[in-house]
Amino acid sequence: MLYNELIEKQVIGRLKVDNPWWTENEISPYYAEMHPRLYLDIFYPLVVDSEIRRAIILMGPRRVGKTVMIYHTIQRLIADGVSTQNIIYISVETPIYNKILLEQLFNLAKQALGKPNSKEKFYVFFDEIQYLKDWEVNLKSLVDTYYNVKFVASGSAAAELKKRSNESGAGRFTDFNLPPLTFYEFVHLRDYAQLMMPFEMEWNHHIIVGNTTINIAKLNKLFIDYINYGGYPEVVFSKQIQENPGQFIRHDIIDKVLLRDLPSLYGITDVQELNSLFTMIAYHSGAQFSYEGLSKDSGVKKDTLRKYIQYLEAAFLIKKIRRADDTAKEYRREMLFKLYLTNPSLRCALFQPIDENDEVIGNMVETAVYAQWIPRNANIAYANWNEGNKKKGEVDIVGINEAKQKPDWAVEVKWSNRPYANPSLELKSLETFMRTNGLSYAIVTSISEEGKKTMPYGCLQFMPVACYAYTVGENTLKATKESFGL
């Protein structure tokens, strides 16, 4: 035997604690009382789909609700009539499970259930799977061996998980990315969906449906709350955590990722250096950076900086957005780029909450808007030009048509009503970009103004930035659903 009788007894004891439905026929009230994320309606059909023999890999940053979604999935399985004796949950990061292979843990769970040789249908959930070395080989073997078992695994190191999933699990794993809360989800979880109403607008010679609001003052207050506290479900519902979000997010999200997850996955030795770099990026989220400038300001060598930024992206803490010129073409040499927090509330946790008059409100609004786009892996960039005899200009978000390598659309993100009052003066860069690329439509966000203005170079659709963020978040959810054929 690979482990003695005492260890086996302890493991079985722990499995019983972690699977209360084996005896109570329901999940813990702590999880049952939480609002499920809207992504559950996409995730659950993948779990119960038995036509294709695949494991589901649930990826996402810490504290976005992966474990909670697993428990809500278990709750729904029970409600749909699946026997509680056929549902197994195993948290791989539990110290007592250290170095025990997945198949051994599965067999011990069946032993604890009194079904050591059962061929029944099981649902098995492995939480935080990245802590097991060669997990992808173990899991692929389980999928190939147990035809009547649905395996689900979760992990926080998304890029590393995806890499291993693609390399070893091709045809055996289905990846599911759970992002931080979108503003669309935030509004729904706070039970304020009644503030929103659909409206039709013209876009690229088509009529599309966006969202407006019956109370922009209330929606803007919610949007500021989202920027400060909105990325993580537990923060949304806990006034106690909101009083000191720094302690919760810094300890449970940032510190665990920077001090434990990334060093263990990538062999980082100077965690203080990494921590200092992330703090600098968080403070300036939405700013334009260069490796040269970052290296000078942080004291970190450029080659090391490139690796750190890749690692921070892998942990879903930041997103690097490429720079394009006034024709939306990528620069041959990557001199400049923007870095955004994947969720604006990370900045609030490190520093302090902001209000609508804060000097950094513009960058944080832009960060919040990008946070709605990031989960879609859309081909987006920001346009910035100042070469040769070209007058300096910038457009916040441009969508690139991959086939044509030309821009399809442009969005200028503003936390101001001035552009609506005087677009000719306030939107010269957007005008240049639209004329250069033959764009006849663009969206410009505002604090509260809404409406369409026809300019000599095209139509500008103005909408409150909170409405725009809500709409993009809704479309991101729909795009995720469609990507799985649902």
Protein backbone atom coordinates (compact mmCIF):
# COMPACT_ATOMS: atom_id res chain seq x y z
CA MET A 1 0.00 0.00 0.00
CA LEU A 2 1.16 3.55 -0.75
CA TYR A 3 -0.03 4.96 2.55
CA ASN A 4 -0.69 3.30 5.88
CA GLU A 5 -4.00 2.48 7.44
CA LEU A 6 -3.95 5.53 9.73
CA ILE A 7 -3.50 7.96 6.85
CA GLU A 8 -6.24 6.21 4.88
CA LYS A 9 -8.61 6.55 7.85
CA GLN A 10 -7.79 10.26 8.17
CA VAL A 11 -8.35 10.87 4.46
CA ILE A 12 -11.73 9.13 4.55
CA GLY A 13 -12.65 11.17 7.62
CA ARG A 14 -11.80 14.37 5.84
CA LEU A 15 -13.77 13.35 2.75
CA LYS A 16 -16.85 12.85 4.93
CA VAL A 17 -16.46 16.33 6.39
CA ASP A 18 -16.14 17.89 2.93
CA ASN A 19 -19.19 16.05 1.58
CA PRO A 20 -21.97 16.82 4.12
CA TRP A 21 -24.69 15.82 1.61
CA TRP A 22 -23.66 12.19 2.09
CA THR A 23 -25.45 12.31 5.44
CA GLU A 24 -27.50 15.54 5.40
CA ASN A 25 -28.78 15.23 1.80
CA GLU A 26 -28.02 18.92 1.16
CA ILE A 27 -25.09 21.29 0.82
CA SER A 28 -24.01 23.54 3.67
CA PRO A 29 -26.50 26.38 4.40
CA TYR A 30 -23.57 28.81 4.08
CA TYR A 31 -23.36 28.07 0.35
CA ALA A 32 -27.05 27.35 -0.18
CA GLU A 33 -28.00 30.88 0.93
CA MET A 34 -25.60 32.59 -1.49
CA HIS A 35 -26.92 33.96 -4.78
CA PRO A 36 -25.61 31.80 -7.64
CA ARG A 37 -23.59 33.54 -10.34
CA LEU A 38 -25.34 33.93 -13.68
CA TYR A 39 -22.61 31.81 -15.28
CA LEU A 40 -24.05 28.78 -13.45
CA ASP A 41 -26.75 28.48 -16.12
CA ILE A 42 -23.98 27.97 -18.70
CA PHE A 43 -21.74 25.79 -16.55
CA TYR A 44 -24.37 23.35 -15.29
CA PRO A 45 -25.45 21.98 -18.72
CA LEU A 46 -21.79 21.16 -19.45
CA VAL A 47 -21.54 19.18 -16.21
CA VAL A 48 -24.65 17.07 -16.86
CA ASP A 49 -23.87 16.51 -20.54
CA SER A 50 -23.00 12.82 -20.79
CA GLU A 51 -22.92 12.54 -24.58
CA ILE A 52 -19.30 13.70 -24.82
CA ARG A 53 -16.76 12.11 -22.48
CA ARG A 54 -14.82 15.13 -21.26
CA ALA A 55 -13.69 16.62 -17.97
CA ILE A 56 -14.67 20.24 -17.32
CA ILE A 57 -11.80 22.53 -16.27
CA LEU A 58 -13.23 25.48 -14.32
CA MET A 59 -10.64 28.28 -14.41
CA GLY A 60 -10.53 31.73 -12.90
CA PRO A 61 -8.80 33.97 -10.38
CA ARG A 62 -9.10 33.48 -6.65
CA ARG A 63 -12.36 34.44 -4.95
CA VAL A 64 -14.49 34.82 -8.07
CA GLY A 65 -16.74 32.02 -6.84
CA LYS A 66 -15.38 28.83 -8.42
CA THR A 67 -15.86 26.76 -5.27
CA VAL A 68 -19.26 28.34 -4.64
CA MET A 69 -20.30 27.51 -8.21
CA ILE A 70 -19.23 23.91 -7.65
CA TYR A 71 -21.43 23.77 -4.54
CA HIS A 72 -24.34 25.36 -6.41
CA THR A 73 -23.83 22.78 -9.16
CA ILE A 74 -24.01 20.03 -6.53
CA GLN A 75 -27.15 21.65 -5.11
CA ARG A 76 -28.75 21.62 -8.54
CA LEU A 77 -27.71 18.00 -9.16
CA ILE A 78 -29.44 17.00 -5.93
CA ALA A 79 -32.54 19.03 -6.85
CA ASP A 80 -32.57 17.25 -10.23
CA GLY A 81 -32.69 13.86 -8.53
CA VAL A 82 -29.04 12.76 -8.55
CA SER A 83 -28.31 10.62 -5.50
CA THR A 84 -26.23 12.41 -2.86
CA GLN A 85 -24.23 9.17 -2.60
CA ASN A 86 -23.00 9.66 -6.15
CA ILE A 87 -21.58 13.18 -5.76
CA ILE A 88 -17.98 13.59 -4.58
CA TYR A 89 -16.14 16.82 -3.74
CA ILE A 90 -12.37 16.82 -3.12
CA SER A 91 -10.32 19.94 -2.35
CA VAL A 92 -6.90 18.98 -3.71
CA GLU A 93 -5.07 21.69 -1.73
CA THR A 94 -6.08 20.05 1.59
CA PRO A 95 -2.72 19.20 3.24
CA ILE A 96 -3.69 15.62 4.11
CA TYR A 97 -4.22 14.88 0.40
CA ASN A 98 -0.67 15.96 -0.42
CA LYS A 99 0.89 13.80 -3.16
CA ILE A 100 -2.08 11.41 -3.29
CA LEU A 101 -3.09 10.73 -6.89
CA LEU A 102 -6.55 11.68 -8.11
CA GLU A 103 -7.56 8.07 -8.76
CA GLN A 104 -6.59 7.09 -5.23
CA LEU A 105 -8.69 9.93 -3.82
CA PHE A 106 -11.64 8.90 -6.01
CA ASN A 107 -11.38 5.28 -4.87
CA LEU A 108 -11.13 6.30 -1.21
CA ALA A 109 -14.27 8.41 -1.61
CA LYS A 110 -16.11 5.43 -3.08
CA GLN A 111 -14.80 3.35 -0.18
CA ALA A 112 -16.16 5.94 2.28
CA LEU A 113 -19.53 5.66 0.54
CA GLY A 114 -19.49 1.87 0.79
CA LYS A 115 -19.27 1.57 -3.01
CA PRO A 116 -15.66 0.50 -3.64
CA ASN A 117 -16.43 -1.44 -6.82
CA SER A 118 -19.50 0.44 -8.00
CA LYS A 119 -19.96 1.14 -11.71
CA GLU A 120 -22.71 3.69 -11.05
CA LYS A 121 -22.80 7.21 -12.50
CA PHE A 122 -20.69 9.55 -10.34
CA TYR A 123 -20.05 13.29 -10.41
CA VAL A 124 -16.57 14.05 -9.08
CA PHE A 125 -15.31 17.57 -8.35
CA PHE A 126 -11.59 18.26 -7.80
CA ASP A 127 -11.13 21.78 -6.40
CA GLU A 128 -7.84 23.76 -6.77
CA ILE A 129 -6.28 21.02 -8.86
CA GLN A 130 -3.11 22.96 -9.72
CA TYR A 131 -1.59 21.89 -6.39
CA LEU A 132 -1.18 18.33 -7.65
CA LYS A 133 1.88 17.75 -9.79
CA ASP A 134 1.05 16.33 -13.24
CA TRP A 135 -2.66 16.72 -12.54
CA GLU A 136 -3.46 16.82 -16.26
CA VAL A 137 -1.98 13.34 -16.83
CA ASN A 138 -3.89 11.99 -13.82
CA LEU A 139 -7.16 13.53 -14.94
CA LYS A 140 -6.87 12.41 -18.55
CA SER A 141 -6.29 8.87 -17.32
CA LEU A 142 -9.44 9.06 -15.19
CA VAL A 143 -11.52 10.30 -18.13
CA ASP A 144 -10.22 7.46 -20.30
CA THR A 145 -10.75 4.82 -17.61
CA TYR A 146 -14.11 5.67 -16.01
CA TYR A 147 -16.64 5.96 -18.78
CA ASN A 148 -19.59 6.56 -16.46
CA VAL A 149 -18.07 9.32 -14.33
CA LYS A 150 -18.22 13.06 -14.96
CA PHE A 151 -15.08 14.78 -13.70
CA VAL A 152 -14.89 18.50 -12.97
CA ALA A 153 -11.69 20.25 -11.88
CA SER A 154 -11.12 23.85 -10.81
CA GLY A 155 -8.00 25.96 -10.50
CA SER A 156 -6.85 29.54 -10.00
CA ALA A 157 -3.75 29.61 -12.20
CA ALA A 158 -5.73 29.92 -15.41
CA ALA A 159 -2.98 30.30 -17.99
CA GLU A 160 -0.96 27.42 -16.58
CA LEU A 161 -4.09 25.27 -16.37
CA LYS A 162 -5.07 26.11 -19.93
CA LYS A 163 -1.59 25.35 -21.21
CA ARG A 164 -1.56 21.93 -19.59
CA SER A 165 -5.17 21.34 -20.57
CA ASN A 166 -4.35 21.99 -24.22
CA GLU A 167 -1.12 19.97 -24.17
CA SER A 168 -2.33 16.86 -22.34
CA GLY A 169 -6.10 17.05 -22.39
CA ALA A 170 -6.82 17.66 -26.06
CA GLY A 171 -10.17 16.05 -26.77
CA ARG A 172 -10.62 15.12 -23.09
CA PHE A 173 -10.98 18.53 -21.37
CA THR A 174 -13.42 21.39 -21.85
CA ASP A 175 -12.16 24.71 -20.47
CA PHE A 176 -14.59 27.06 -18.71
CA ASN A 177 -13.35 30.50 -17.66
CA LEU A 178 -15.14 32.21 -14.75
CA PRO A 179 -14.19 35.91 -14.70
CA PRO A 180 -14.57 38.40 -11.86
CA LEU A 181 -18.10 39.77 -11.62
CA THR A 182 -19.18 41.81 -14.61
CA PHE A 183 -21.20 44.94 -13.93
CA TYR A 184 -24.19 43.16 -15.47
CA GLU A 185 -23.93 40.40 -12.87
CA PHE A 186 -23.26 42.91 -10.09
CA VAL A 187 -26.50 44.78 -10.83
CA HIS A 188 -28.47 41.51 -10.91
CA LEU A 189 -26.89 40.13 -7.73
CA ARG A 190 -27.75 43.37 -5.94
CA ASP A 191 -31.38 43.02 -7.19
CA TYR A 192 -31.37 46.25 -9.20
CA ALA A 193 -32.11 44.81 -12.65
CA GLN A 194 -35.39 46.79 -12.60
CA LEU A 195 -33.32 49.95 -13.14
CA MET A 196 -32.47 48.81 -16.66
CA MET A 197 -34.51 48.79 -19.83
CA PRO A 198 -33.60 47.88 -23.43
CA PHE A 199 -33.44 50.45 -26.19
CA GLU A 200 -32.71 50.19 -29.89
CA MET A 201 -29.87 52.06 -31.54
CA GLU A 202 -28.42 52.18 -35.03
CA TRP A 203 -24.97 50.61 -35.35
CA ASN A 204 -23.10 50.04 -38.61
CA HIS A 205 -26.33 50.24 -40.63
CA HIS A 206 -28.04 47.74 -38.30
CA ILE A 207 -30.47 48.15 -35.42
CA ILE A 208 -29.08 46.62 -32.25
CA VAL A 209 -30.39 46.47 -28.68
CA GLY A 210 -28.50 48.20 -25.91
CA ASN A 211 -29.50 49.20 -22.39
CA THR A 212 -30.61 52.44 -20.82
CA THR A 213 -31.76 53.17 -17.28
CA ILE A 214 -34.76 54.72 -15.55
CA ASN A 215 -32.51 56.17 -12.81
CA ILE A 216 -29.02 57.21 -13.89
CA ALA A 217 -28.15 58.65 -10.47
CA LYS A 218 -28.78 55.30 -8.79
CA LEU A 219 -27.04 53.35 -11.54
CA ASN A 220 -23.97 55.59 -11.31
CA LYS A 221 -23.84 55.02 -7.56
CA LEU A 222 -23.92 51.28 -8.22
CA PHE A 223 -21.17 51.71 -10.82
CA ILE A 224 -18.90 53.48 -8.31
CA ASP A 225 -19.69 50.69 -5.80
CA TYR A 226 -18.73 48.18 -8.47
CA ILE A 227 -15.41 49.93 -9.08
CA ASN A 228 -14.65 49.83 -5.36
CA TYR A 229 -16.12 46.50 -4.25
CA GLY A 230 -17.72 44.75 -7.18
CA GLY A 231 -15.36 42.10 -8.47
CA TYR A 232 -15.86 39.42 -5.88
CA PRO A 233 -19.18 37.92 -4.75
CA GLU A 234 -18.27 37.81 -1.04
CA VAL A 235 -17.42 41.52 -1.02
CA VAL A 236 -20.70 42.37 -2.75
CA PHE A 237 -22.81 40.85 0.01
CA SER A 238 -20.73 41.56 3.10
CA LYS A 239 -20.91 45.03 4.65
CA GLN A 240 -18.23 43.90 7.09
CA ILE A 241 -15.80 43.12 4.26
CA GLN A 242 -16.70 46.39 2.50
CA GLU A 243 -15.63 48.29 5.63
CA ASN A 244 -12.15 46.85 5.16
CA PRO A 245 -11.93 45.37 1.65
CA GLY A 246 -8.16 45.72 1.74
CA GLN A 247 -7.76 43.04 4.38
CA PHE A 248 -9.98 40.54 2.55
CA ILE A 249 -8.74 41.11 -1.00
CA ARG A 250 -5.12 41.73 -0.09
CA HIS A 251 -4.87 38.63 2.11
CA ASP A 252 -7.14 36.18 0.34
CA ILE A 253 -6.48 37.20 -3.25
CA ILE A 254 -3.39 39.28 -3.79
CA ASP A 255 -1.09 37.88 -1.10
CA LYS A 256 -1.96 34.24 -1.79
CA VAL A 257 -1.37 34.70 -5.49
CA LEU A 258 1.82 36.76 -5.21
CA LEU A 259 3.34 34.97 -2.23
CA ARG A 260 2.20 31.41 -2.82
CA ASP A 261 0.60 30.57 -6.18
CA LEU A 262 3.00 32.28 -8.57
CA PRO A 263 6.24 31.44 -6.70
CA SER A 264 5.25 27.77 -6.45
CA LEU A 265 4.19 27.54 -10.11
CA TYR A 266 7.05 29.50 -11.67
CA GLY A 267 9.87 29.25 -9.16
CA ILE A 268 9.92 32.99 -8.36
CA THR A 269 12.41 33.73 -5.60
CA ASP A 270 12.09 37.52 -5.18
CA VAL A 271 8.42 37.82 -4.21
CA GLN A 272 8.96 41.33 -2.82
CA GLU A 273 10.05 42.50 -6.27
CA LEU A 274 6.96 40.97 -7.85
CA ASN A 275 4.73 42.46 -5.15
CA SER A 276 6.19 45.94 -5.65
CA LEU A 277 5.70 45.72 -9.41
CA PHE A 278 2.07 44.67 -9.06
CA THR A 279 1.40 47.49 -6.60
CA MET A 280 2.85 49.98 -9.08
CA ILE A 281 0.71 48.60 -11.92
CA ALA A 282 -2.42 48.62 -9.74
CA TYR A 283 -1.90 52.25 -8.77
CA HIS A 284 -1.57 53.24 -12.44
CA SER A 285 -4.13 50.84 -13.94
CA GLY A 286 -5.11 52.06 -17.42
CA ALA A 287 -1.88 53.99 -17.95
CA GLN A 288 0.44 53.52 -20.89
CA PHE A 289 3.69 51.74 -20.06
CA SER A 290 6.94 50.75 -21.73
CA TYR A 291 9.38 48.07 -20.56
CA GLU A 292 12.09 50.71 -20.55
CA GLY A 293 10.12 53.03 -18.28
CA LEU A 294 8.83 50.24 -16.05
CA SER A 295 12.34 48.92 -15.61
CA LYS A 296 13.63 52.35 -14.66
CA ASP A 297 10.80 53.04 -12.20
CA SER A 298 10.75 49.60 -10.59
CA GLY A 299 14.41 48.63 -10.73
CA VAL A 300 13.47 45.29 -12.33
CA LYS A 301 15.39 44.10 -15.40
CA LYS A 302 13.43 44.19 -18.66
CA ASP A 303 13.62 40.43 -19.31
CA THR A 304 12.38 39.76 -15.76
CA LEU A 305 9.62 42.35 -16.23
CA ARG A 306 8.32 40.51 -19.29
CA LYS A 307 8.12 37.29 -17.29
CA TYR A 308 6.43 38.96 -14.31
CA ILE A 309 3.78 40.52 -16.55
CA GLN A 310 3.13 37.12 -18.13
CA TYR A 311 2.80 35.57 -14.66
CA LEU A 312 0.44 38.30 -13.44
CA GLU A 313 -1.68 37.77 -16.55
CA ALA A 314 -1.64 34.03 -15.91
CA ALA A 315 -3.03 34.70 -12.43
CA PHE A 316 -5.82 36.88 -13.88
CA LEU A 317 -4.63 39.92 -11.94
CA ILE A 318 -3.79 42.11 -14.95
CA LYS A 319 -4.39 42.28 -18.68
CA LYS A 320 -1.94 43.70 -21.19
CA ILE A 321 -3.60 45.59 -24.06
CA ARG A 322 -1.64 46.15 -27.24
CA ARG A 323 -1.17 49.49 -28.92
CA ALA A 324 -2.23 50.17 -32.50
CA ASP A 325 -1.66 53.19 -34.72
CA ASP A 326 -4.26 55.51 -36.28
CA THR A 327 -5.05 52.82 -38.88
CA ALA A 328 -5.40 50.18 -36.14
CA LYS A 329 -2.28 48.37 -37.32
CA GLU A 330 -0.01 46.89 -34.67
CA TYR A 331 3.35 48.56 -34.25
CA ARG A 332 6.25 46.40 -35.43
CA ARG A 333 8.19 47.06 -32.26
CA GLU A 334 6.26 46.74 -29.03
CA MET A 335 7.43 49.95 -27.40
CA LEU A 336 4.25 50.96 -25.59
CA PHE A 337 1.25 49.11 -24.15
CA LYS A 338 -1.42 49.52 -21.50
CA LEU A 339 -1.88 47.43 -18.37
CA TYR A 340 -5.27 47.07 -16.72
CA LEU A 341 -6.34 45.35 -13.54
CA THR A 342 -8.79 42.60 -14.46
CA ASN A 343 -11.03 44.09 -11.81
CA PRO A 344 -10.93 47.68 -10.53
CA SER A 345 -11.67 46.70 -6.92
CA LEU A 346 -8.13 45.33 -6.66
CA ARG A 347 -6.91 48.93 -6.61
CA CYS A 348 -9.38 49.90 -3.92
CA ALA A 349 -8.12 47.04 -1.77
CA LEU A 350 -4.50 48.16 -2.04
CA PHE A 351 -5.14 51.87 -1.58
CA GLN A 352 -8.55 53.37 -0.82
CA PRO A 353 -12.07 53.63 -2.24
CA ILE A 354 -12.67 56.36 -4.79
CA ASP A 355 -15.67 58.56 -5.53
CA GLU A 356 -16.96 60.22 -8.69
CA ASN A 357 -14.69 63.23 -8.18
CA ASP A 358 -11.46 61.37 -7.50
CA GLU A 359 -8.52 62.33 -9.70
CA VAL A 360 -8.12 58.71 -10.86
CA ILE A 361 -11.81 58.22 -11.71
CA GLY A 362 -11.10 58.37 -15.45
CA ASN A 363 -8.57 55.53 -15.41
CA MET A 364 -10.71 53.42 -13.08
CA VAL A 365 -13.82 53.87 -15.24
CA GLU A 366 -11.74 52.78 -18.21
CA THR A 367 -10.44 49.81 -16.18
CA ALA A 368 -14.02 48.85 -15.29
CA VAL A 369 -15.06 48.97 -18.97
CA TYR A 370 -12.10 46.83 -20.03
CA ALA A 371 -13.02 44.38 -17.26
CA GLN A 372 -16.27 43.70 -19.14
CA TRP A 373 -14.37 42.94 -22.37
CA ILE A 374 -11.46 40.89 -21.01
CA PRO A 375 -13.37 37.59 -20.46
CA ARG A 376 -14.32 37.48 -24.16
CA ASN A 377 -10.73 37.42 -25.44
CA ALA A 378 -11.91 39.81 -28.12
CA ASN A 379 -9.42 41.21 -30.61
CA ILE A 380 -9.31 44.69 -29.13
CA ALA A 381 -6.60 47.31 -28.77
CA TYR A 382 -6.20 50.97 -28.00
CA ALA A 383 -5.11 53.34 -30.74
CA ASN A 384 -2.30 55.80 -30.02
CA TRP A 385 -0.26 57.73 -32.54
CA ASN A 386 2.36 60.45 -32.48
CA GLU A 387 4.88 59.47 -35.18
CA GLY A 388 6.29 61.55 -37.99
CA ASN A 389 4.08 64.49 -38.89
CA LYS A 390 0.97 62.95 -37.32
CA LYS A 391 -0.66 65.00 -34.61
CA LYS A 392 -0.84 63.11 -31.30
CA GLY A 393 -4.07 61.22 -30.71
CA GLU A 394 -5.65 58.30 -28.87
CA VAL A 395 -8.85 56.25 -28.94
CA ASP A 396 -9.60 54.11 -25.90
CA ILE A 397 -10.94 50.88 -27.43
CA VAL A 398 -10.95 49.67 -31.04
CA GLY A 399 -12.23 46.37 -32.32
CA ILE A 400 -10.02 44.76 -34.96
CA ASN A 401 -11.41 42.67 -37.82
CA GLU A 402 -8.94 39.78 -37.86
CA ALA A 403 -9.55 38.87 -41.49
CA LYS A 404 -9.16 42.39 -42.84
CA GLN A 405 -6.80 43.64 -40.11
CA LYS A 406 -8.83 46.82 -40.03
CA PRO A 407 -10.96 48.37 -37.30
CA ASP A 408 -14.64 47.44 -37.18
CA TRP A 409 -15.63 49.80 -34.38
CA ALA A 410 -14.35 52.34 -31.86
CA VAL A 411 -15.34 53.41 -28.36
CA GLU A 412 -14.20 56.51 -26.51
CA VAL A 413 -14.59 56.01 -22.75
CA LYS A 414 -15.38 59.25 -20.90
CA TRP A 415 -16.53 60.05 -17.37
CA SER A 416 -17.70 63.48 -18.47
CA ASN A 417 -20.66 65.13 -20.19
CA ARG A 418 -18.49 67.70 -22.00
CA PRO A 419 -18.06 65.66 -25.22
CA TYR A 420 -21.84 65.47 -25.59
CA ALA A 421 -22.10 69.24 -25.28
CA ASN A 422 -19.21 69.96 -27.66
CA PRO A 423 -18.11 66.88 -29.65
CA SER A 424 -16.20 68.91 -32.26
CA LEU A 425 -13.85 70.26 -29.61
CA GLU A 426 -13.64 67.28 -27.26
CA LEU A 427 -13.38 64.35 -29.71
CA LYS A 428 -10.75 65.37 -32.24
CA SER A 429 -8.76 62.07 -31.88
CA LEU A 430 -11.91 60.02 -32.45
CA GLU A 431 -12.75 62.15 -35.50
CA THR A 432 -9.26 61.56 -36.94
CA PHE A 433 -9.53 57.81 -36.34
CA MET A 434 -12.99 57.56 -37.92
CA ARG A 435 -11.97 59.58 -40.98
CA THR A 436 -8.73 57.63 -41.44
CA ASN A 437 -10.48 54.26 -41.27
CA GLY A 438 -13.78 55.08 -42.91
CA LEU A 439 -15.82 54.36 -39.78
CA SER A 440 -19.31 55.84 -39.90
CA TYR A 441 -20.28 55.03 -36.29
CA ALA A 442 -18.67 55.16 -32.87
CA ILE A 443 -19.78 55.02 -29.24
CA VAL A 444 -18.85 57.73 -26.75
CA THR A 445 -19.62 57.22 -23.08
CA SER A 446 -20.65 59.93 -20.63
CA ILE A 447 -21.71 60.37 -17.03
CA SER A 448 -25.39 60.78 -17.82
CA GLU A 449 -25.98 62.08 -21.34
CA GLU A 450 -27.56 59.86 -23.97
CA GLY A 451 -28.43 60.29 -27.62
CA LYS A 452 -27.16 60.24 -31.19
CA LYS A 453 -25.31 63.09 -32.84
CA THR A 454 -24.65 63.21 -36.56
CA MET A 455 -21.28 64.74 -37.38
CA PRO A 456 -19.76 65.50 -40.82
CA TYR A 457 -17.61 62.38 -40.50
CA GLY A 458 -20.19 59.97 -39.02
CA CYS A 459 -22.65 59.24 -36.23
CA LEU A 460 -21.73 59.30 -32.54
CA GLN A 461 -23.89 57.30 -30.14
CA PHE A 462 -23.60 58.76 -26.64
CA MET A 463 -24.55 56.64 -23.62
CA PRO A 464 -23.79 56.70 -19.89
CA VAL A 465 -20.70 54.63 -19.20
CA ALA A 466 -22.59 52.58 -16.58
CA CYS A 467 -25.14 51.60 -19.26
CA TYR A 468 -22.35 50.72 -21.67
CA ALA A 469 -20.54 48.58 -19.08
CA TYR A 470 -23.83 46.82 -18.26
CA THR A 471 -24.46 46.12 -21.95
CA VAL A 472 -20.96 44.77 -22.61
CA GLY A 473 -21.21 42.56 -19.51
CA GLU A 474 -24.55 41.19 -20.73
CA ASN A 475 -23.13 40.54 -24.20
CA THR A 476 -20.08 38.85 -22.70
CA LEU A 477 -22.36 36.44 -20.85
CA LYS A 478 -24.33 35.77 -24.05
CA ALA A 479 -21.11 35.23 -26.04
CA THR A 480 -19.90 32.70 -23.46
CA LYS A 481 -23.20 30.84 -23.72
CA GLU A 482 -23.06 30.79 -27.51
CA SER A 483 -19.46 29.57 -27.48
CA PHE A 484 -20.69 26.37 -25.81
CA GLY A 485 -23.58 25.97 -28.25
CA LEU A 486 -26.21 26.74 -25.63
